[in-house]
Amino acid sequence: LRSRRHGTYGVFQELDPAQDGRRRRFRRGGFDTSAKA
């Protein structure tokens, strides 16, 4: 992982809770570069 070309990038964002109070997150990975992520 010390090499930027190894592995893929992903994003994580905390969403607002659902109406029942359930915690929600936005997760998505598989990006080739950090710029795309």
PDB file of all heavy atoms in Angstrom:
ATOM      1  N   LEU A   1       0.823  -1.213   0.000  1.00  0.00           N
ATOM      2  CA  LEU A   1       0.000   0.000   0.000  1.00  0.00           C
ATOM      3  C   LEU A   1       0.855   1.260   0.000  1.00  0.00           C
ATOM      4  O   LEU A   1       0.334   2.368  -0.201  1.00  0.00           O
ATOM      5  CB  LEU A   1      -0.932   0.006   1.198  1.00  0.00           C
ATOM      6  CG  LEU A   1      -2.110  -0.988   1.145  1.00  0.00           C
ATOM      7  CD1 LEU A   1      -2.926  -0.931   2.426  1.00  0.00           C
ATOM      8  CD2 LEU A   1      -3.009  -0.682  -0.062  1.00  0.00           C
ATOM      9  N   ARG A   2       2.151   1.123   0.233  1.00  0.00           N
ATOM     10  CA  ARG A   2       3.011   2.287   0.163  1.00  0.00           C
ATOM     11  C   ARG A   2       3.055   2.846  -1.257  1.00  0.00           C
ATOM     12  O   ARG A   2       3.325   4.032  -1.460  1.00  0.00           O
ATOM     13  CB  ARG A   2       4.426   1.916   0.637  1.00  0.00           C
ATOM     14  CG  ARG A   2       4.475   1.480   2.094  1.00  0.00           C
ATOM     15  CD  ARG A   2       5.863   0.988   2.468  1.00  0.00           C
ATOM     16  NE  ARG A   2       5.904   0.497   3.839  1.00  0.00           N
ATOM     17  CZ  ARG A   2       6.987  -0.071   4.401  1.00  0.00           C
ATOM     18  NH1 ARG A   2       8.106  -0.201   3.680  1.00  0.00           N
ATOM     19  NH2 ARG A   2       6.930  -0.493   5.648  1.00  0.00           N
ATOM     20  N   SER A   3       2.756   2.005  -2.216  1.00  0.00           N
ATOM     21  CA  SER A   3       2.692   2.445  -3.614  1.00  0.00           C
ATOM     22  C   SER A   3       1.266   2.911  -3.921  1.00  0.00           C
ATOM     23  O   SER A   3       0.300   2.202  -3.622  1.00  0.00           O
ATOM     24  CB  SER A   3       3.101   1.301  -4.548  1.00  0.00           C
ATOM     25  OG  SER A   3       2.870   1.671  -5.898  1.00  0.00           O
ATOM     26  N   ARG A   4       1.142   4.087  -4.528  1.00  0.00           N
ATOM     27  CA  ARG A   4      -0.179   4.617  -4.829  1.00  0.00           C
ATOM     28  C   ARG A   4      -0.902   3.821  -5.921  1.00  0.00           C
ATOM     29  O   ARG A   4      -2.108   3.959  -6.083  1.00  0.00           O
ATOM     30  CB  ARG A   4      -0.056   6.073  -5.279  1.00  0.00           C
ATOM     31  CG  ARG A   4       0.418   7.001  -4.167  1.00  0.00           C
ATOM     32  CD  ARG A   4       0.440   8.433  -4.655  1.00  0.00           C
ATOM     33  NE  ARG A   4       0.839   9.358  -3.597  1.00  0.00           N
ATOM     34  CZ  ARG A   4       0.927  10.681  -3.735  1.00  0.00           C
ATOM     35  NH1 ARG A   4       0.644  11.224  -4.933  1.00  0.00           N
ATOM     36  NH2 ARG A   4       1.308  11.434  -2.746  1.00  0.00           N
ATOM     37  N   ARG A   5      -0.164   3.048  -6.649  1.00  0.00           N
ATOM     38  CA  ARG A   5      -0.773   2.272  -7.719  1.00  0.00           C
ATOM     39  C   ARG A   5      -1.363   0.954  -7.223  1.00  0.00           C
ATOM     40  O   ARG A   5      -1.994   0.237  -7.990  1.00  0.00           O
ATOM     41  CB  ARG A   5       0.261   1.979  -8.814  1.00  0.00           C
ATOM     42  CG  ARG A   5       0.793   3.239  -9.498  1.00  0.00           C
ATOM     43  CD  ARG A   5       1.797   2.872 -10.585  1.00  0.00           C
ATOM     44  NE  ARG A   5       2.296   4.066 -11.268  1.00  0.00           N
ATOM     45  CZ  ARG A   5       3.182   4.028 -12.255  1.00  0.00           C
ATOM     46  NH1 ARG A   5       3.670   2.850 -12.669  1.00  0.00           N
ATOM     47  NH2 ARG A   5       3.592   5.151 -12.825  1.00  0.00           N
ATOM     48  N   HIS A   6      -1.101   0.612  -5.977  1.00  0.00           N
ATOM     49  CA  HIS A   6      -1.596  -0.648  -5.429  1.00  0.00           C
ATOM     50  C   HIS A   6      -2.924  -0.417  -4.705  1.00  0.00           C
ATOM     51  O   HIS A   6      -3.086   0.543  -3.976  1.00  0.00           O
ATOM     52  CB  HIS A   6      -0.568  -1.240  -4.439  1.00  0.00           C
ATOM     53  CG  HIS A   6      -0.998  -2.565  -3.895  1.00  0.00           C
ATOM     54  ND1 HIS A   6      -1.045  -3.707  -4.656  1.00  0.00           N
ATOM     55  CD2 HIS A   6      -1.409  -2.918  -2.636  1.00  0.00           C
ATOM     56  CE1 HIS A   6      -1.465  -4.711  -3.912  1.00  0.00           C
ATOM     57  NE2 HIS A   6      -1.687  -4.261  -2.670  1.00  0.00           N
ATOM     58  N   GLY A   7      -3.899  -1.327  -4.935  1.00  0.00           N
ATOM     59  CA  GLY A   7      -5.181  -1.243  -4.258  1.00  0.00           C
ATOM     60  C   GLY A   7      -6.145  -0.289  -4.945  1.00  0.00           C
ATOM     61  O   GLY A   7      -5.853   0.307  -5.992  1.00  0.00           O
ATOM     62  N   THR A   8      -7.318  -0.148  -4.360  1.00  0.00           N
ATOM     63  CA  THR A   8      -8.365   0.747  -4.880  1.00  0.00           C
ATOM     64  C   THR A   8      -8.825   1.680  -3.767  1.00  0.00           C
ATOM     65  O   THR A   8      -8.638   1.408  -2.583  1.00  0.00           O
ATOM     66  CB  THR A   8      -9.573  -0.059  -5.392  1.00  0.00           C
ATOM     67  OG1 THR A   8     -10.088  -0.874  -4.314  1.00  0.00           O
ATOM     68  CG2 THR A   8      -9.206  -0.949  -6.569  1.00  0.00           C
ATOM     69  N   TYR A   9      -9.457   2.778  -4.215  1.00  0.00           N
ATOM     70  CA  TYR A   9      -9.898   3.797  -3.269  1.00  0.00           C
ATOM     71  C   TYR A   9     -11.411   3.669  -3.052  1.00  0.00           C
ATOM     72  O   TYR A   9     -12.166   3.259  -3.952  1.00  0.00           O
ATOM     73  CB  TYR A   9      -9.563   5.188  -3.791  1.00  0.00           C
ATOM     74  CG  TYR A   9      -8.073   5.465  -3.853  1.00  0.00           C
ATOM     75  CD1 TYR A   9      -7.307   5.073  -4.954  1.00  0.00           C
ATOM     76  CD2 TYR A   9      -7.432   6.108  -2.804  1.00  0.00           C
ATOM     77  CE1 TYR A   9      -5.947   5.315  -5.007  1.00  0.00           C
ATOM     78  CE2 TYR A   9      -6.068   6.370  -2.851  1.00  0.00           C
ATOM     79  CZ  TYR A   9      -5.344   5.969  -3.948  1.00  0.00           C
ATOM     80  OH  TYR A   9      -3.975   6.210  -3.999  1.00  0.00           O
ATOM     81  N   GLY A  10     -11.839   4.042  -1.886  1.00  0.00           N
ATOM     82  CA  GLY A  10     -13.251   4.051  -1.541  1.00  0.00           C
ATOM     83  C   GLY A  10     -13.613   5.299  -0.777  1.00  0.00           C
ATOM     84  O   GLY A  10     -12.731   6.004  -0.257  1.00  0.00           O
ATOM     85  N   VAL A  11     -14.940   5.590  -0.722  1.00  0.00           N
ATOM     86  CA  VAL A  11     -15.416   6.777  -0.019  1.00  0.00           C
ATOM     87  C   VAL A  11     -16.370   6.343   1.078  1.00  0.00           C
ATOM     88  O   VAL A  11     -17.047   5.305   0.995  1.00  0.00           O
ATOM     89  CB  VAL A  11     -16.121   7.758  -0.979  1.00  0.00           C
ATOM     90  CG1 VAL A  11     -15.156   8.280  -2.017  1.00  0.00           C
ATOM     91  CG2 VAL A  11     -17.319   7.096  -1.650  1.00  0.00           C
ATOM     92  N   PHE A  12     -16.413   7.148   2.106  1.00  0.00           N
ATOM     93  CA  PHE A  12     -17.293   6.896   3.246  1.00  0.00           C
ATOM     94  C   PHE A  12     -17.886   8.223   3.695  1.00  0.00           C
ATOM     95  O   PHE A  12     -17.139   9.192   3.902  1.00  0.00           O
ATOM     96  CB  PHE A  12     -16.521   6.239   4.391  1.00  0.00           C
ATOM     97  CG  PHE A  12     -17.303   6.109   5.661  1.00  0.00           C
ATOM     98  CD1 PHE A  12     -18.130   5.024   5.877  1.00  0.00           C
ATOM     99  CD2 PHE A  12     -17.221   7.090   6.640  1.00  0.00           C
ATOM    100  CE1 PHE A  12     -18.850   4.913   7.051  1.00  0.00           C
ATOM    101  CE2 PHE A  12     -17.947   6.991   7.809  1.00  0.00           C
ATOM    102  CZ  PHE A  12     -18.764   5.890   8.022  1.00  0.00           C
ATOM    103  N   GLN A  13     -19.222   8.281   3.809  1.00  0.00           N
ATOM    104  CA  GLN A  13     -19.880   9.503   4.246  1.00  0.00           C
ATOM    105  C   GLN A  13     -21.030   9.138   5.183  1.00  0.00           C
ATOM    106  O   GLN A  13     -21.881   8.310   4.852  1.00  0.00           O
ATOM    107  CB  GLN A  13     -20.433  10.298   3.056  1.00  0.00           C
ATOM    108  CG  GLN A  13     -21.222  11.526   3.429  1.00  0.00           C
ATOM    109  CD  GLN A  13     -20.369  12.566   4.146  1.00  0.00           C
ATOM    110  OE1 GLN A  13     -19.300  12.947   3.649  1.00  0.00           O
ATOM    111  NE2 GLN A  13     -20.804  13.021   5.306  1.00  0.00           N
ATOM    112  N   GLU A  14     -21.047   9.778   6.326  1.00  0.00           N
ATOM    113  CA  GLU A  14     -22.127   9.567   7.298  1.00  0.00           C
ATOM    114  C   GLU A  14     -23.376  10.304   6.804  1.00  0.00           C
ATOM    115  O   GLU A  14     -23.327  11.499   6.483  1.00  0.00           O
ATOM    116  CB  GLU A  14     -21.720  10.100   8.666  1.00  0.00           C
ATOM    117  CG  GLU A  14     -22.663   9.731   9.787  1.00  0.00           C
ATOM    118  CD  GLU A  14     -22.449   8.305  10.270  1.00  0.00           C
ATOM    119  OE1 GLU A  14     -21.362   7.737  10.017  1.00  0.00           O
ATOM    120  OE2 GLU A  14     -23.376   7.770  10.897  1.00  0.00           O
ATOM    121  N   LEU A  15     -24.509   9.593   6.739  1.00  0.00           N
ATOM    122  CA  LEU A  15     -25.781  10.172   6.321  1.00  0.00           C
ATOM    123  C   LEU A  15     -26.613  10.537   7.532  1.00  0.00           C
ATOM    124  O   LEU A  15     -26.306  10.150   8.673  1.00  0.00           O
ATOM    125  CB  LEU A  15     -26.546   9.185   5.426  1.00  0.00           C
ATOM    126  CG  LEU A  15     -25.828   8.703   4.158  1.00  0.00           C
ATOM    127  CD1 LEU A  15     -26.704   7.690   3.428  1.00  0.00           C
ATOM    128  CD2 LEU A  15     -25.470   9.869   3.253  1.00  0.00           C
ATOM    129  N   ASP A  16     -27.674  11.264   7.291  1.00  0.00           N
ATOM    130  CA  ASP A  16     -28.593  11.593   8.380  1.00  0.00           C
ATOM    131  C   ASP A  16     -29.345  10.342   8.801  1.00  0.00           C
ATOM    132  O   ASP A  16     -29.657   9.469   7.957  1.00  0.00           O
ATOM    133  CB  ASP A  16     -29.582  12.660   7.917  1.00  0.00           C
ATOM    134  CG  ASP A  16     -28.925  14.018   7.772  1.00  0.00           C
ATOM    135  OD1 ASP A  16     -28.836  14.728   8.788  1.00  0.00           O
ATOM    136  OD2 ASP A  16     -28.504  14.361   6.641  1.00  0.00           O
ATOM    137  N   PRO A  17     -29.653  10.222  10.076  1.00  0.00           N
ATOM    138  CA  PRO A  17     -30.340   9.011  10.547  1.00  0.00           C
ATOM    139  C   PRO A  17     -31.694   8.840   9.858  1.00  0.00           C
ATOM    140  O   PRO A  17     -32.327   9.797   9.403  1.00  0.00           O
ATOM    141  CB  PRO A  17     -30.506   9.264  12.050  1.00  0.00           C
ATOM    142  CG  PRO A  17     -29.499  10.301  12.382  1.00  0.00           C
ATOM    143  CD  PRO A  17     -29.360  11.168  11.165  1.00  0.00           C
ATOM    144  N   ALA A  18     -32.131   7.587   9.779  1.00  0.00           N
ATOM    145  CA  ALA A  18     -33.454   7.293   9.219  1.00  0.00           C
ATOM    146  C   ALA A  18     -34.538   7.763  10.179  1.00  0.00           C
ATOM    147  O   ALA A  18     -34.264   8.176  11.321  1.00  0.00           O
ATOM    148  CB  ALA A  18     -33.579   5.799   8.954  1.00  0.00           C
ATOM    149  N   GLN A  19     -35.782   7.702   9.744  1.00  0.00           N
ATOM    150  CA  GLN A  19     -36.886   8.180  10.586  1.00  0.00           C
ATOM    151  C   GLN A  19     -37.025   7.352  11.855  1.00  0.00           C
ATOM    152  O   GLN A  19     -37.525   7.840  12.868  1.00  0.00           O
ATOM    153  CB  GLN A  19     -38.196   8.147   9.777  1.00  0.00           C
ATOM    154  CG  GLN A  19     -38.188   9.073   8.569  1.00  0.00           C
ATOM    155  CD  GLN A  19     -39.524   9.083   7.845  1.00  0.00           C
ATOM    156  OE1 GLN A  19     -40.562   8.854   8.448  1.00  0.00           O
ATOM    157  NE2 GLN A  19     -39.481   9.365   6.551  1.00  0.00           N
ATOM    158  N   ASP A  20     -36.586   6.094  11.809  1.00  0.00           N
ATOM    159  CA  ASP A  20     -36.639   5.250  13.008  1.00  0.00           C
ATOM    160  C   ASP A  20     -35.385   5.364  13.857  1.00  0.00           C
ATOM    161  O   ASP A  20     -35.191   4.598  14.809  1.00  0.00           O
ATOM    162  CB  ASP A  20     -36.877   3.785  12.611  1.00  0.00           C
ATOM    163  CG  ASP A  20     -35.801   3.270  11.647  1.00  0.00           C
ATOM    164  OD1 ASP A  20     -34.889   4.044  11.309  1.00  0.00           O
ATOM    165  OD2 ASP A  20     -35.899   2.094  11.233  1.00  0.00           O
ATOM    166  N   GLY A  21     -34.491   6.299  13.511  1.00  0.00           N
ATOM    167  CA  GLY A  21     -33.271   6.514  14.269  1.00  0.00           C
ATOM    168  C   GLY A  21     -32.104   5.658  13.843  1.00  0.00           C
ATOM    169  O   GLY A  21     -31.015   5.755  14.430  1.00  0.00           O
ATOM    170  N   ARG A  22     -32.282   4.830  12.847  1.00  0.00           N
ATOM    171  CA  ARG A  22     -31.222   3.936  12.398  1.00  0.00           C
ATOM    172  C   ARG A  22     -30.087   4.724  11.762  1.00  0.00           C
ATOM    173  O   ARG A  22     -30.307   5.642  10.996  1.00  0.00           O
ATOM    174  CB  ARG A  22     -31.817   2.923  11.414  1.00  0.00           C
ATOM    175  CG  ARG A  22     -30.810   1.977  10.781  1.00  0.00           C
ATOM    176  CD  ARG A  22     -31.549   0.929   9.938  1.00  0.00           C
ATOM    177  NE  ARG A  22     -32.531   1.550   9.059  1.00  0.00           N
ATOM    178  CZ  ARG A  22     -32.243   2.017   7.862  1.00  0.00           C
ATOM    179  NH1 ARG A  22     -30.989   1.962   7.399  1.00  0.00           N
ATOM    180  NH2 ARG A  22     -33.195   2.552   7.103  1.00  0.00           N
ATOM    181  N   ARG A  23     -28.847   4.316  12.081  1.00  0.00           N
ATOM    182  CA  ARG A  23     -27.658   4.973  11.542  1.00  0.00           C
ATOM    183  C   ARG A  23     -27.456   4.531  10.098  1.00  0.00           C
ATOM    184  O   ARG A  23     -27.604   3.352   9.756  1.00  0.00           O
ATOM    185  CB  ARG A  23     -26.424   4.635  12.376  1.00  0.00           C
ATOM    186  CG  ARG A  23     -25.167   5.392  11.952  1.00  0.00           C
ATOM    187  CD  ARG A  23     -24.000   4.977  12.833  1.00  0.00           C
ATOM    188  NE  ARG A  23     -22.777   5.682  12.461  1.00  0.00           N
ATOM    189  CZ  ARG A  23     -21.583   5.458  13.006  1.00  0.00           C
ATOM    190  NH1 ARG A  23     -21.464   4.516  13.958  1.00  0.00           N
ATOM    191  NH2 ARG A  23     -20.526   6.145  12.619  1.00  0.00           N
ATOM    192  N   ARG A  24     -27.084   5.497   9.224  1.00  0.00           N
ATOM    193  CA  ARG A  24     -26.906   5.189   7.811  1.00  0.00           C
ATOM    194  C   ARG A  24     -25.579   5.764   7.300  1.00  0.00           C
ATOM    195  O   ARG A  24     -25.148   6.832   7.743  1.00  0.00           O
ATOM    196  CB  ARG A  24     -28.071   5.738   6.980  1.00  0.00           C
ATOM    197  CG  ARG A  24     -29.404   5.150   7.364  1.00  0.00           C
ATOM    198  CD  ARG A  24     -30.499   5.630   6.440  1.00  0.00           C
ATOM    199  NE  ARG A  24     -30.817   7.046   6.610  1.00  0.00           N
ATOM    200  CZ  ARG A  24     -31.801   7.669   5.958  1.00  0.00           C
ATOM    201  NH1 ARG A  24     -32.536   6.977   5.094  1.00  0.00           N
ATOM    202  NH2 ARG A  24     -32.036   8.946   6.174  1.00  0.00           N
ATOM    203  N   ARG A  25     -24.968   5.050   6.363  1.00  0.00           N
ATOM    204  CA  ARG A  25     -23.690   5.478   5.797  1.00  0.00           C
ATOM    205  C   ARG A  25     -23.731   5.288   4.277  1.00  0.00           C
ATOM    206  O   ARG A  25     -24.391   4.380   3.773  1.00  0.00           O
ATOM    207  CB  ARG A  25     -22.518   4.671   6.373  1.00  0.00           C
ATOM    208  CG  ARG A  25     -22.433   4.675   7.886  1.00  0.00           C
ATOM    209  CD  ARG A  25     -21.321   3.741   8.343  1.00  0.00           C
ATOM    210  NE  ARG A  25     -21.252   3.627   9.787  1.00  0.00           N
ATOM    211  CZ  ARG A  25     -21.985   2.773  10.508  1.00  0.00           C
ATOM    212  NH1 ARG A  25     -22.859   1.971   9.883  1.00  0.00           N
ATOM    213  NH2 ARG A  25     -21.854   2.729  11.802  1.00  0.00           N
ATOM    214  N   PHE A  26     -22.988   6.127   3.608  1.00  0.00           N
ATOM    215  CA  PHE A  26     -22.790   5.974   2.164  1.00  0.00           C
ATOM    216  C   PHE A  26     -21.404   5.412   1.958  1.00  0.00           C
ATOM    217  O   PHE A  26     -20.393   6.062   2.286  1.00  0.00           O
ATOM    218  CB  PHE A  26     -22.937   7.308   1.433  1.00  0.00           C
ATOM    219  CG  PHE A  26     -22.764   7.206  -0.055  1.00  0.00           C
ATOM    220  CD1 PHE A  26     -23.858   6.975  -0.879  1.00  0.00           C
ATOM    221  CD2 PHE A  26     -21.498   7.320  -0.642  1.00  0.00           C
ATOM    222  CE1 PHE A  26     -23.703   6.873  -2.257  1.00  0.00           C
ATOM    223  CE2 PHE A  26     -21.341   7.218  -2.009  1.00  0.00           C
ATOM    224  CZ  PHE A  26     -22.448   6.983  -2.820  1.00  0.00           C
ATOM    225  N   ARG A  27     -21.298   4.187   1.434  1.00  0.00           N
ATOM    226  CA  ARG A  27     -20.021   3.540   1.168  1.00  0.00           C
ATOM    227  C   ARG A  27     -19.961   3.164  -0.310  1.00  0.00           C
ATOM    228  O   ARG A  27     -20.928   2.641  -0.865  1.00  0.00           O
ATOM    229  CB  ARG A  27     -19.857   2.268   2.000  1.00  0.00           C
ATOM    230  CG  ARG A  27     -19.728   2.500   3.497  1.00  0.00           C
ATOM    231  CD  ARG A  27     -19.596   1.162   4.209  1.00  0.00           C
ATOM    232  NE  ARG A  27     -19.507   1.295   5.639  1.00  0.00           N
ATOM    233  CZ  ARG A  27     -18.376   1.466   6.323  1.00  0.00           C
ATOM    234  NH1 ARG A  27     -17.222   1.525   5.660  1.00  0.00           N
ATOM    235  NH2 ARG A  27     -18.374   1.564   7.627  1.00  0.00           N
ATOM    236  N   ARG A  28     -18.834   3.430  -0.909  1.00  0.00           N
ATOM    237  CA  ARG A  28     -18.648   3.021  -2.299  1.00  0.00           C
ATOM    238  C   ARG A  28     -17.148   2.930  -2.574  1.00  0.00           C
ATOM    239  O   ARG A  28     -16.374   3.820  -2.207  1.00  0.00           O
ATOM    240  CB  ARG A  28     -19.297   4.005  -3.251  1.00  0.00           C
ATOM    241  CG  ARG A  28     -19.152   3.643  -4.722  1.00  0.00           C
ATOM    242  CD  ARG A  28     -20.254   4.278  -5.533  1.00  0.00           C
ATOM    243  NE  ARG A  28     -21.553   3.692  -5.199  1.00  0.00           N
ATOM    244  CZ  ARG A  28     -22.704   4.097  -5.737  1.00  0.00           C
ATOM    245  NH1 ARG A  28     -22.714   5.097  -6.610  1.00  0.00           N
ATOM    246  NH2 ARG A  28     -23.829   3.521  -5.403  1.00  0.00           N
ATOM    247  N   GLY A  29     -16.726   1.829  -3.195  1.00  0.00           N
ATOM    248  CA  GLY A  29     -15.307   1.609  -3.480  1.00  0.00           C
ATOM    249  C   GLY A  29     -15.087   1.254  -4.934  1.00  0.00           C
ATOM    250  O   GLY A  29     -15.979   1.354  -5.784  1.00  0.00           O
ATOM    251  N   GLY A  30     -13.812   0.820  -5.195  1.00  0.00           N
ATOM    252  CA  GLY A  30     -13.466   0.395  -6.549  1.00  0.00           C
ATOM    253  C   GLY A  30     -12.929   1.499  -7.428  1.00  0.00           C
ATOM    254  O   GLY A  30     -12.818   1.317  -8.649  1.00  0.00           O
ATOM    255  N   PHE A  31     -12.549   2.652  -6.859  1.00  0.00           N
ATOM    256  CA  PHE A  31     -12.015   3.762  -7.657  1.00  0.00           C
ATOM    257  C   PHE A  31     -10.520   3.556  -7.878  1.00  0.00           C
ATOM    258  O   PHE A  31      -9.768   3.230  -6.958  1.00  0.00           O
ATOM    259  CB  PHE A  31     -12.262   5.092  -6.959  1.00  0.00           C
ATOM    260  CG  PHE A  31     -13.723   5.399  -6.765  1.00  0.00           C
ATOM    261  CD1 PHE A  31     -14.328   5.176  -5.538  1.00  0.00           C
ATOM    262  CD2 PHE A  31     -14.488   5.883  -7.814  1.00  0.00           C
ATOM    263  CE1 PHE A  31     -15.656   5.447  -5.351  1.00  0.00           C
ATOM    264  CE2 PHE A  31     -15.830   6.164  -7.634  1.00  0.00           C
ATOM    265  CZ  PHE A  31     -16.437   5.936  -6.397  1.00  0.00           C
ATOM    266  N   ASP A  32     -10.081   3.799  -9.104  1.00  0.00           N
ATOM    267  CA  ASP A  32      -8.674   3.566  -9.448  1.00  0.00           C
ATOM    268  C   ASP A  32      -7.756   4.602  -8.817  1.00  0.00           C
ATOM    269  O   ASP A  32      -6.610   4.291  -8.461  1.00  0.00           O
ATOM    270  CB  ASP A  32      -8.489   3.583 -10.968  1.00  0.00           C
ATOM    271  CG  ASP A  32      -9.254   2.455 -11.643  1.00  0.00           C
ATOM    272  OD1 ASP A  32      -9.513   1.435 -10.977  1.00  0.00           O
ATOM    273  OD2 ASP A  32      -9.614   2.608 -12.841  1.00  0.00           O
ATOM    274  N   THR A  33      -8.215   5.839  -8.725  1.00  0.00           N
ATOM    275  CA  THR A  33      -7.373   6.912  -8.202  1.00  0.00           C
ATOM    276  C   THR A  33      -8.103   7.643  -7.086  1.00  0.00           C
ATOM    277  O   THR A  33      -9.343   7.578  -6.968  1.00  0.00           O
ATOM    278  CB  THR A  33      -7.020   7.918  -9.304  1.00  0.00           C
ATOM    279  OG1 THR A  33      -8.221   8.532  -9.781  1.00  0.00           O
ATOM    280  CG2 THR A  33      -6.310   7.215 -10.461  1.00  0.00           C
ATOM    281  N   SER A  34      -7.326   8.341  -6.304  1.00  0.00           N
ATOM    282  CA  SER A  34      -7.935   9.130  -5.228  1.00  0.00           C
ATOM    283  C   SER A  34      -8.728  10.300  -5.790  1.00  0.00           C
ATOM    284  O   SER A  34      -9.691  10.765  -5.166  1.00  0.00           O
ATOM    285  CB  SER A  34      -6.839   9.636  -4.278  1.00  0.00           C
ATOM    286  OG  SER A  34      -5.913  10.468  -4.984  1.00  0.00           O
ATOM    287  N   ALA A  35      -8.376  10.780  -6.970  1.00  0.00           N
ATOM    288  CA  ALA A  35      -9.103  11.899  -7.578  1.00  0.00           C
ATOM    289  C   ALA A  35     -10.536  11.487  -7.921  1.00  0.00           C
ATOM    290  O   ALA A  35     -11.488  12.245  -7.708  1.00  0.00           O
ATOM    291  CB  ALA A  35      -8.363  12.390  -8.819  1.00  0.00           C
ATOM    292  N   LYS A  36     -10.686  10.287  -8.463  1.00  0.00           N
ATOM    293  CA  LYS A  36     -12.025   9.812  -8.783  1.00  0.00           C
ATOM    294  C   LYS A  36     -12.845   9.584  -7.516  1.00  0.00           C
ATOM    295  O   LYS A  36     -14.055   9.859  -7.474  1.00  0.00           O
ATOM    296  CB  LYS A  36     -11.943   8.522  -9.593  1.00  0.00           C
ATOM    297  CG  LYS A  36     -11.356   8.715 -10.984  1.00  0.00           C
ATOM    298  CD  LYS A  36     -11.332   7.398 -11.753  1.00  0.00           C
ATOM    299  CE  LYS A  36     -10.777   7.592 -13.151  1.00  0.00           C
ATOM    300  NZ  LYS A  36     -10.729   6.315 -13.909  1.00  0.00           N
ATOM    301  N   ALA A  37     -12.208   9.080  -6.482  1.00  0.00           N
ATOM    302  CA  ALA A  37     -12.914   8.884  -5.218  1.00  0.00           C
ATOM    303  C   ALA A  37     -13.344  10.225  -4.629  1.00  0.00           C
ATOM    304  O   ALA A  37     -14.460  10.360  -4.112  1.00  0.00           O
ATOM    305  CB  ALA A  37     -12.016   8.125  -4.235  1.00  0.00           C
TER     306      ALA A  37
END
